[in-house]
Protein backbone atom coordinates (compact mmCIF):
# COMPACT_ATOMS: atom_id res chain seq x y z
CA MET A 1 154.52 134.98 144.64
CA SER A 2 151.98 132.72 143.02
CA SER A 3 154.52 129.90 142.66
CA TRP A 4 155.49 130.35 146.30
CA ARG A 5 151.85 130.25 147.34
CA ASP A 6 151.29 127.11 145.26
CA SER A 7 154.24 125.44 146.89
CA LEU A 8 152.75 126.16 150.31
CA THR A 9 149.64 124.20 149.43
CA ASN A 10 151.83 121.18 148.68
CA ILE A 11 153.70 121.13 151.99
CA PRO A 12 153.80 117.54 153.22
CA GLY A 13 151.98 116.63 156.38
CA THR A 14 155.31 115.89 158.00
CA VAL A 15 156.05 119.61 158.19
CA ALA A 16 152.86 120.29 160.12
CA ASN A 17 153.62 117.39 162.44
CA PHE A 18 157.13 118.69 162.98
CA ILE A 19 155.82 122.12 163.94
CA ASN A 20 153.27 120.67 166.32
CA GLU A 21 155.92 118.49 167.95
CA SER A 22 158.20 121.50 168.27
CA ALA A 23 155.44 123.53 169.90
CA SER A 24 154.64 120.72 172.34
CA THR A 25 158.34 120.32 173.15
CA ALA A 26 158.62 124.03 173.88
CA SER A 27 155.46 123.84 175.95
CA SER A 28 156.85 121.00 178.10
CA TYR A 29 160.13 122.87 178.47
CA LEU A 30 158.36 125.99 179.69
CA HIS A 31 156.34 123.88 182.09
CA SER A 32 159.50 122.40 183.56
CA GLN A 33 160.92 125.88 184.10
CA GLY A 34 158.00 126.79 186.39
CA PRO A 35 155.30 129.45 185.99
CA THR A 36 156.15 133.07 185.52
CA ARG A 37 154.12 136.25 185.65
CA SER A 38 154.92 137.30 182.12
CA PRO A 39 151.84 138.73 180.38
CA THR A 40 152.66 136.92 177.15
CA PRO A 41 150.79 133.70 176.53
CA THR A 42 154.00 131.77 175.79
CA ALA A 43 154.85 131.81 179.50
CA THR A 44 151.59 130.08 180.36
CA VAL A 45 151.60 127.35 177.76
CA GLY A 46 152.51 124.67 180.28
CA SER A 47 149.49 125.32 182.46
CA VAL A 48 146.96 123.49 180.28
CA SER A 49 148.17 120.92 177.79
CA GLU A 50 146.28 120.16 174.58
CA GLU A 51 146.68 116.43 175.18
CA SER A 52 145.07 116.67 178.62
CA VAL A 53 141.75 117.83 177.10
CA PRO A 54 139.66 114.86 175.90
CA GLN A 55 138.48 115.31 172.35
CA GLY A 56 134.78 115.15 171.57
CA GLU A 57 133.66 115.82 175.17
CA TYR A 58 131.41 118.84 175.64
CA LYS A 59 132.91 121.17 178.21
CA ALA A 60 131.82 124.45 176.70
CA LEU A 61 129.44 125.55 179.42
CA PRO A 62 128.92 124.23 182.98
CA ILE A 63 125.58 122.47 182.71
CA PRO A 64 123.27 122.78 185.74
CA SER A 65 123.15 119.65 187.86
CA SER A 66 119.42 119.24 187.25
CA LEU A 67 120.04 118.90 183.50
CA VAL A 68 122.91 116.41 183.58
CA LYS A 69 120.60 113.51 182.81
CA GLU A 70 119.42 115.33 179.65
CA GLN A 71 122.96 116.09 178.49
CA TRP A 72 123.16 113.29 175.92
CA ARG A 73 120.01 114.60 174.20
CA LEU A 74 121.04 118.26 174.16
CA ILE A 75 124.76 118.52 173.48
CA PHE A 76 126.51 117.79 170.20
CA THR A 77 129.88 118.58 168.72
CA SER A 78 130.42 120.53 165.52
CA ASP A 79 129.99 117.40 163.36
CA ALA A 80 126.29 116.87 164.26
CA ASN A 81 123.83 116.41 161.38
CA ILE A 82 120.49 118.09 160.75
CA GLN A 83 118.41 115.30 162.30
CA ASP A 84 120.37 115.43 165.55
CA LEU A 85 120.09 119.20 165.75
CA ASN A 86 116.33 119.19 165.09
CA ALA A 87 115.77 116.63 167.82
CA ALA A 88 117.95 118.57 170.25
CA ILE A 89 116.13 121.83 169.44
CA ALA A 90 112.72 120.27 170.04
CA HIS A 91 113.80 118.73 173.33
CA CYS A 92 115.53 121.93 174.46
CA ARG A 93 112.42 123.98 173.65
CA ASP A 94 110.26 121.66 175.74
CA LEU A 95 112.65 121.94 178.66
CA VAL A 96 112.57 125.74 178.44
CA LEU A 97 108.80 125.71 178.82
CA LEU A 98 109.01 123.35 181.80
CA SER A 99 111.75 125.27 183.63
CA GLU A 100 111.09 128.03 186.15
CA GLU A 101 111.30 131.67 185.12
CA CYS A 102 114.58 133.51 185.83
CA SER A 103 116.21 130.25 186.93
CA GLU A 104 119.74 129.14 186.10
CA GLU A 105 118.34 126.16 184.17
CA ARG A 106 116.24 128.37 181.91
CA ARG A 107 119.15 130.72 181.24
CA TRP A 108 121.37 127.81 180.26
CA LEU A 109 118.66 126.28 178.05
CA VAL A 110 117.94 129.57 176.25
CA ARG A 111 121.64 130.09 175.51
CA HIS A 112 121.98 126.55 174.26
CA LEU A 113 118.80 126.78 172.17
CA VAL A 114 120.16 129.84 170.37
CA ASP A 115 123.41 128.01 169.60
CA LEU A 116 121.55 124.95 168.28
CA ARG A 117 119.31 126.99 166.01
CA TYR A 118 122.24 128.99 164.70
CA SER A 119 124.17 125.79 163.94
CA LEU A 120 121.12 124.30 162.21
CA GLN A 121 120.66 127.36 160.02
CA GLU A 122 124.27 127.40 158.92
CA LEU A 123 124.27 123.68 158.20
CA GLU A 124 121.08 123.91 156.12
CA GLU A 125 122.47 126.82 154.09
CA ALA A 126 125.71 124.95 153.49
CA GLN A 127 123.92 121.82 152.33
CA ALA A 128 121.57 123.80 150.12
CA LEU A 129 124.46 125.27 148.20
CA ALA A 130 126.20 121.88 148.11
CA SER A 131 129.63 123.45 147.99
CA ASP A 132 132.67 122.17 149.84
CA VAL A 133 134.03 125.70 150.13
CA VAL A 134 130.88 126.89 151.84
CA VAL A 135 130.96 123.95 154.26
CA MET A 136 134.57 124.76 155.17
CA ASN A 137 133.75 128.44 155.66
CA ALA A 138 130.50 127.83 157.54
CA ILE A 139 130.06 129.64 160.84
CA LYS A 140 130.39 127.39 163.88
CA ALA A 141 128.26 128.33 166.91
CA VAL A 142 129.72 127.21 170.25
CA VAL A 143 128.78 128.63 173.67
CA GLY A 144 127.46 131.84 172.15
CA HIS A 145 130.53 132.27 169.93
CA HIS A 146 130.04 132.56 166.18
CA PHE A 147 133.31 131.27 164.81
CA VAL A 148 134.34 132.20 161.29
CA PRO A 149 137.57 131.22 159.50
CA HIS A 150 140.47 133.45 160.50
CA HIS A 151 142.58 134.79 157.64
CA PRO A 152 145.12 137.21 159.13
CA HIS A 153 146.08 140.05 156.76
CA GLY A 154 143.92 138.47 154.06
CA ARG A 155 144.38 135.34 152.02
CA LYS A 156 146.89 136.83 149.59
CA ASN A 157 149.46 138.23 151.98
CA ARG A 158 150.72 135.03 153.61
CA LEU A 159 154.20 136.39 154.34
CA GLN A 160 152.92 139.04 156.75
CA ALA A 161 150.60 136.50 158.33
CA ALA A 162 153.51 134.16 158.96
CA ALA A 163 155.63 136.97 160.45
CA LYS A 164 153.05 137.90 163.10
CA ARG A 165 152.28 135.51 165.92
CA PHE A 166 148.76 134.64 167.02
CA TYR A 167 147.88 132.58 170.07
CA CYS A 168 144.95 130.28 170.73
CA ASP A 169 142.68 131.57 173.48
CA HIS A 170 141.89 128.01 174.54
CA CYS A 171 145.19 126.14 174.65
CA THR A 172 147.45 129.28 174.65
CA THR A 173 149.80 127.81 172.03
CA ILE A 174 150.95 129.51 168.85
CA ILE A 175 148.69 129.39 165.80
CA TRP A 176 150.91 128.68 162.79
CA SER A 177 148.67 130.40 160.25
CA VAL A 178 150.50 128.90 157.26
CA VAL A 179 149.79 125.26 158.12
CA GLN A 180 147.11 125.43 160.84
CA ALA A 181 143.47 126.41 160.40
CA SER A 182 142.04 128.82 162.94
CA TYR A 183 138.69 130.40 163.72
CA ILE A 184 137.77 133.71 165.32
CA CYS A 185 134.51 134.77 166.97
CA SER A 186 132.88 137.53 164.98
CA ASP A 187 131.32 138.97 168.15
CA CYS A 188 134.08 139.04 170.78
CA GLY A 189 137.30 138.23 168.86
CA TYR A 190 137.97 134.88 170.58
CA LEU A 191 140.72 133.18 168.50
CA VAL A 192 141.09 129.41 168.54
CA HIS A 193 142.55 126.47 166.65
CA GLN A 194 140.15 124.47 164.53
CA LYS A 195 140.91 121.40 166.65
CA CYS A 196 140.05 123.31 169.85
CA ILE A 197 136.60 124.54 168.84
CA ASP A 198 134.65 121.71 170.45
CA ASN A 199 136.52 122.19 173.74
CA VAL A 200 135.94 125.93 174.16
CA LYS A 201 134.80 126.71 177.72
CA ARG A 202 134.57 130.48 177.86
CA VAL A 203 131.10 131.89 177.22
CA CYS A 204 131.09 134.55 174.51
CA ALA A 205 131.67 137.99 176.00
CA HIS A 206 128.92 139.36 173.76
CA VAL A 207 126.40 137.08 175.51
CA LEU A 208 127.60 138.22 178.94
CA VAL A 209 127.43 141.88 177.93
CA SER A 210 123.88 141.42 176.63
CA GLU A 211 122.79 139.80 179.89
CA ARG A 212 124.64 142.14 182.24
CA GLN A 213 123.85 145.33 180.25
CA HIS A 214 126.23 147.41 182.40
CA PRO A 215 129.88 146.97 183.35
CA ILE A 216 130.65 145.83 186.90
CA SER A 217 130.30 148.89 189.13
CA GLU A 218 132.23 147.56 192.17
CA ILE A 219 135.97 148.00 192.42
CA CYS A 220 137.60 144.56 192.31
CA PRO A 221 134.81 142.59 194.06
CA GLU A 222 137.20 139.89 195.27
CA VAL A 223 135.63 136.78 196.82
CA GLY A 224 138.76 134.75 197.56
CA LEU A 225 140.05 131.36 196.46
CA ALA A 226 138.03 129.55 199.14
CA ALA A 227 134.76 130.77 197.61
CA GLN A 228 135.96 129.39 194.27
CA ASN A 229 136.90 126.03 195.82
CA TYR A 230 140.49 126.77 194.81
CA LYS A 231 139.57 126.41 191.13
CA CYS A 232 139.94 128.67 188.13
CA ALA A 233 136.78 130.73 187.64
CA GLU A 234 136.71 129.85 183.93
CA CYS A 235 138.14 126.40 183.20
CA GLY A 236 137.98 124.86 186.71
CA THR A 237 141.70 124.05 186.95
CA LEU A 238 142.78 123.32 190.54
CA LEU A 239 144.89 126.11 192.05
CA ASN A 240 146.70 124.21 194.82
CA LEU A 241 150.04 122.72 195.86
CA LYS A 242 149.20 119.02 195.61
CA SER A 243 150.86 118.10 192.33
CA SER A 244 152.34 121.28 190.91
CA TRP A 245 151.94 124.93 191.76
CA ILE A 246 149.64 126.78 189.35
CA GLU A 247 149.75 130.47 190.00
CA PRO A 248 146.32 132.01 190.78
CA ARG A 249 145.98 135.35 189.02
CA LEU A 250 143.47 137.94 190.22
CA CYS A 251 141.33 139.82 187.71
CA ASP A 252 140.89 143.41 188.86
CA TYR A 253 137.62 143.75 186.91
CA SER A 254 135.65 140.73 188.14
CA GLY A 255 137.53 140.04 191.40
CA LEU A 256 137.89 136.35 190.49
CA TYR A 257 141.00 134.18 190.34
CA TYR A 258 142.09 132.49 187.12
CA CYS A 259 144.82 130.11 186.05
CA PRO A 260 147.62 131.40 183.77
CA SER A 261 145.87 129.95 180.71
CA CYS A 262 142.76 132.07 181.31
CA ASN A 263 144.54 135.18 182.62
CA TRP A 264 147.47 136.34 180.52
CA ASN A 265 148.08 139.39 182.74
CA ASP A 266 146.69 141.73 180.10
CA ASN A 267 146.68 145.37 181.18
CA CYS A 268 143.47 147.34 180.76
CA PHE A 269 141.64 150.17 182.52
CA VAL A 270 138.80 149.14 184.84
CA PRO A 271 135.41 150.91 184.43
CA ALA A 272 134.59 150.89 188.17
CA ARG A 273 137.85 152.68 189.01
CA ILE A 274 137.10 155.34 186.39
CA ILE A 275 133.57 155.96 187.68
CA HIS A 276 134.43 156.12 191.38
CA ASN A 277 138.06 157.29 191.45
CA TRP A 278 138.66 158.78 187.99
CA ASP A 279 141.56 156.35 187.77
CA PHE A 280 142.66 155.36 184.25
CA SER A 281 145.76 153.43 185.24
CA PRO A 282 145.88 149.97 183.60
CA ARG A 283 145.24 146.94 185.77
CA ARG A 284 145.75 143.24 185.19
CA VAL A 285 142.57 141.58 183.96
CA SER A 286 141.64 138.19 182.55
CA ARG A 287 141.11 137.46 178.88
CA ALA A 288 137.32 137.29 179.32
CA ALA A 289 137.26 140.61 181.19
CA GLN A 290 139.35 142.29 178.51
CA GLN A 291 136.94 141.14 175.79
CA GLU A 292 133.96 142.29 177.86
CA ILE A 293 135.45 145.74 178.48
CA ARG A 294 136.22 146.03 174.77
CA LEU A 295 132.56 145.39 173.94
CA PHE A 296 131.41 147.97 176.52
CA LEU A 297 133.85 150.56 175.16
CA ASP A 298 131.51 152.42 172.76
CA ARG A 299 128.19 151.79 174.51
CA ALA A 300 126.71 154.87 176.19
CA LEU A 301 125.43 153.19 179.37
CA ILE A 302 127.11 155.06 182.23
CA ARG A 303 125.11 157.71 184.09
CA LEU A 304 128.14 159.40 185.57
CA GLU A 305 126.33 162.26 187.29
CA GLU A 306 124.00 159.79 189.00
CA ASP A 307 126.73 157.32 189.99
CA ASN A 308 129.25 159.90 191.20
CA PRO A 309 127.92 163.50 191.17
CA LYS A 310 130.87 164.90 193.12
CA LEU A 311 133.16 163.98 190.27
CA PHE A 312 131.96 167.02 188.31
CA VAL A 313 133.07 169.27 191.17
CA PHE A 314 136.67 168.06 191.23
CA VAL A 315 137.28 167.36 187.52
CA GLU A 316 137.20 170.56 185.45
CA LYS A 317 137.33 168.67 182.16
CA LEU A 318 134.03 166.99 182.96
CA CYS A 319 132.39 170.36 183.71
CA ALA A 320 133.50 171.72 180.34
CA VAL A 321 132.20 168.65 178.52
CA LYS A 322 128.89 168.81 180.39
CA LYS A 323 128.40 172.47 179.39
CA LEU A 324 129.20 171.71 175.74
CA ARG A 325 126.76 168.80 175.71
CA GLN A 326 124.01 170.97 177.20
CA ASN A 327 124.55 173.51 174.43
CA LEU A 328 124.47 170.78 171.78
CA VAL A 329 121.15 169.53 173.17
CA HIS A 330 119.68 173.02 172.67
CA MET A 331 121.13 173.22 169.18
CA ARG A 332 119.71 169.84 168.21
CA HIS A 333 116.15 171.17 168.73
CA TYR A 334 116.80 173.90 166.17
CA LEU A 335 118.41 171.55 163.66
CA ALA A 336 115.69 168.92 164.03
CA ALA A 337 113.09 171.48 162.86
CA CYS A 338 115.24 172.91 160.06
CA LYS A 339 114.57 171.47 156.60
CA LEU A 340 117.90 172.68 155.26
CA ALA A 341 119.84 170.95 158.03
CA MET A 342 117.87 167.75 157.49
CA GLU A 343 118.57 167.81 153.74
CA HIS A 344 122.31 168.26 154.27
CA LYS A 345 122.29 165.71 157.15
CA LEU A 346 124.28 168.10 159.27
CA VAL A 347 123.87 166.16 162.52
CA GLU A 348 124.87 162.84 160.94
CA GLN A 349 127.96 164.35 159.30
CA GLN A 350 129.22 166.01 162.46
CA MET A 351 128.26 163.44 165.10
CA ALA A 352 128.74 160.26 163.04
CA GLY A 353 128.09 157.35 165.41
CA ARG A 354 128.12 159.45 168.58
CA ARG A 355 124.70 161.06 168.45
CA HIS A 356 124.14 160.31 172.14
CA LEU A 357 126.42 163.26 172.92
CA ALA A 358 123.81 165.67 171.50
CA GLN A 359 120.66 163.83 172.59
CA SER A 360 121.23 164.28 176.33
CA ASN A 361 124.01 165.05 178.78
CA GLU A 362 123.38 162.06 181.05
CA PHE A 363 124.94 159.02 179.39
CA TYR A 364 128.64 158.43 178.77
CA SER A 365 130.55 155.56 177.25
CA LEU A 366 133.94 154.30 178.40
CA SER A 367 135.43 155.71 175.23
CA ASP A 368 133.94 159.13 176.06
CA LEU A 369 135.46 159.11 179.55
CA THR A 370 138.92 158.18 178.29
CA GLN A 371 138.71 160.97 175.71
CA VAL A 372 137.59 163.41 178.39
CA GLU A 373 140.77 162.66 180.31
CA SER A 374 142.95 163.06 177.22
CA GLY A 375 141.13 166.20 176.03
CA VAL A 376 140.12 164.71 172.69
CA LEU A 377 136.39 164.81 173.43
CA THR A 378 136.50 168.50 174.35
CA GLU A 379 138.11 169.38 171.02
CA PHE A 380 135.60 167.22 169.16
CA LEU A 381 132.60 168.86 170.85
CA GLN A 382 133.99 172.34 170.28
CA GLY A 383 134.26 171.60 166.56
CA VAL A 384 130.68 170.31 166.46
CA PHE A 385 129.48 173.34 168.45
CA LYS A 386 131.10 175.70 165.94
CA ALA A 387 129.60 173.90 162.94
CA PHE A 388 126.10 173.89 164.44
CA GLY A 389 126.38 177.51 165.52
CA ASP A 390 127.46 178.69 162.06
CA HIS A 391 124.44 177.04 160.49
CA ILE A 392 121.92 178.34 163.04
CA ARG A 393 123.12 181.95 162.79
CA SER A 394 123.15 181.88 158.98
CA CYS A 395 119.86 180.04 158.43
CA ASP A 396 116.72 182.21 158.18
CA MET A 397 114.49 179.43 159.48
CA CYS A 398 116.64 178.95 162.58
CA LEU A 399 117.00 182.70 163.15
CA ALA A 400 113.21 183.03 163.14
CA LYS A 401 113.16 180.96 166.35
CA ALA A 402 115.64 183.17 168.19
CA TYR A 403 114.76 185.20 171.29
CA ILE A 404 115.03 188.84 172.33
CA CYS A 405 115.66 189.81 175.93
CA GLU A 406 112.50 191.67 177.02
CA ILE A 407 114.18 193.09 180.11
CA CYS A 408 116.76 195.24 178.32
CA SER A 409 114.72 195.51 175.06
CA ASN A 410 117.88 195.03 173.01
CA ASN A 411 117.37 194.11 169.35
CA GLU A 412 120.17 191.53 169.51
CA VAL A 413 118.88 188.00 169.01
CA ILE A 414 119.96 185.46 171.60
CA PHE A 415 119.87 181.68 171.85
CA PRO A 416 119.80 179.34 174.85
CA PHE A 417 123.30 178.10 174.00
CA ASP A 418 124.90 181.58 173.97
CA ASP A 419 127.39 182.49 176.65
CA GLY A 420 125.96 185.04 179.06
CA CYS A 421 122.36 183.89 178.49
CA ILE A 422 120.09 181.95 180.79
CA LYS A 423 116.92 179.98 180.18
CA CYS A 424 113.87 180.05 182.43
CA GLU A 425 113.00 176.50 183.38
CA GLN A 426 109.29 177.33 183.75
CA CYS A 427 108.42 179.14 180.52
CA ASN A 428 111.60 178.47 178.45
CA SER A 429 112.17 182.18 177.83
CA ILE A 430 115.74 183.39 177.24
CA TYR A 431 117.30 186.41 178.94
CA HIS A 432 120.70 187.93 179.45
CA ARG A 433 122.07 186.59 182.69
CA VAL A 434 122.97 190.12 183.83
CA CYS A 435 119.47 191.41 183.09
CA LEU A 436 117.74 188.58 184.95
CA THR A 437 120.10 189.06 187.90
CA ARG A 438 118.96 192.68 188.18
CA LYS A 439 115.39 191.35 188.45
CA ASN A 440 116.43 189.07 191.33
CA MET A 441 116.15 186.05 188.99
CA ILE A 442 112.38 186.64 188.64
CA CYS A 443 111.16 185.94 185.13
CA PRO A 444 108.79 188.70 183.83
CA LYS A 445 106.90 186.26 181.63
CA CYS A 446 106.26 183.93 184.55
CA VAL A 447 104.98 186.90 186.57
CA ARG A 448 102.52 187.81 183.80
CA ILE A 449 101.35 184.21 183.51
CA GLN A 450 100.79 184.05 187.27
CA GLU A 451 98.82 187.33 187.23
CA ARG A 452 96.60 186.03 184.44
CA ARG A 453 95.90 182.87 186.41
CA LEU A 454 94.96 184.91 189.48
CA GLN A 455 92.62 187.08 187.42
CA LEU A 456 90.96 184.04 185.93
CA ASP A 457 90.57 182.49 189.38
CA ARG A 458 89.02 185.69 190.76
CA LEU A 459 86.67 185.96 187.79
CA LYS A 460 85.64 182.37 188.18
CA SER A 461 85.06 182.75 191.90
CA THR A 462 82.83 185.84 191.39
CA GLU A 463 80.80 184.01 188.74
CA ASP A 464 80.35 181.05 191.09
CA ALA A 465 79.25 183.35 193.91
CA LYS A 466 76.77 185.09 191.61
CA ASP A 467 75.31 181.76 190.51
CA VAL A 468 74.94 180.67 194.13
CA SER A 469 73.15 183.93 195.09
CA GLU A 470 70.78 183.69 192.15
CA GLY A 471 69.99 180.08 193.01
CA HIS A 472 69.33 181.05 196.63
CA SER A 473 66.88 183.85 195.62
CA ASP A 474 64.96 181.45 193.37
CA VAL A 475 64.56 179.03 196.26
CA VAL A 476 63.21 181.86 198.50
CA GLU A 477 60.67 182.92 195.89
CA LEU A 478 59.40 179.39 195.44
CA SER A 479 59.01 178.94 199.17
CA LEU A 480 56.99 182.15 199.46
CA ALA A 481 54.73 181.13 196.59
């Protein structure tokens, strides 16, 4: 294997050229056959040619028209030096202070300032170590992406890497991992050739998720090709019949039209359809939308009961999950005050990275909703409920905080998460549901508290009346004197 790997490093440049020529030949052949609706990127190779993209020109982010005159002082390719980056950072910072708040210019400048500072930091670290390997493996920051070298299946297993095909998200052609260098964004998974880095146009999905904070809540908010000036929403390719027909493909998530190079007809569920229709059927979305949905997958941001409260009436699985989460919230208060549970890290062991399920019953993530539909989340919460319940009923410190129903005077201890028990929302007392029903849902403790308040009010009123009468008699005596 080592001799085979050594021989790969000595492959002549003619082999790489031959592969590139073969790929371009196949691309032109596919283009001549006309566009298809195949979801694989090989069917869309002919839409955007690598040779049609001018090298060295910055097209990563549409710059606002008011900043075009400053473009030459702000934008650099990946081969910029430290002096250029420092000058660009200083000028960009000044423009941020001069721009209006919440304007498109300031948003663009802030994004670009972060990229410039990130590139400067990586370049300074690489030069400080003075190592060629570090320079080659340095992170490249472009349009919010943080590109790192892509080594599929690791450096050692080159055979498996060569057997699996990877495609460039920019030019849609095959990445021959044996002879071609590639980079991948560590934030959103955007995969690209090394030669295509400076021409990347798609803003990092991680940046869009951070700015938007919530997935799009409207179902396919389509605006039409006319509103897009018959251009691709990402790369600006004309979608018309003048020279050659380029198929416009609708993204069901964003409602925008894309060219085949930016929309590979990937199938994915749409968050808005889940929230409003409880529809998990896959829809065709663009590459950018798929990356954005992937980043939203594990973020607990959806207030389902606020967005669609009737959903809990028609979906029984959601009602069961809501009840389990309410019980876990009650249990968490016991475990948070238990030293033994804190020492054994019971909550961390059972909940892992999904502690939001026991902190409240309001927020859901997309992953939670998909697991509710499949039944996986219900089984997971039932297991956690059993583990928490076993600890609480066997721990003396937790048992000391149990309740006894004062209506039936039964010696059995009860908890707010027990079946058949109910909690008073006013005084937090716990009763058997049957016992409180016999009392017409009137809490005895609340009645006692109300009686005490009335007694205190009456006592205070009598004391005030007595003080007023005494003050009046003193005034009469003084007047007579």
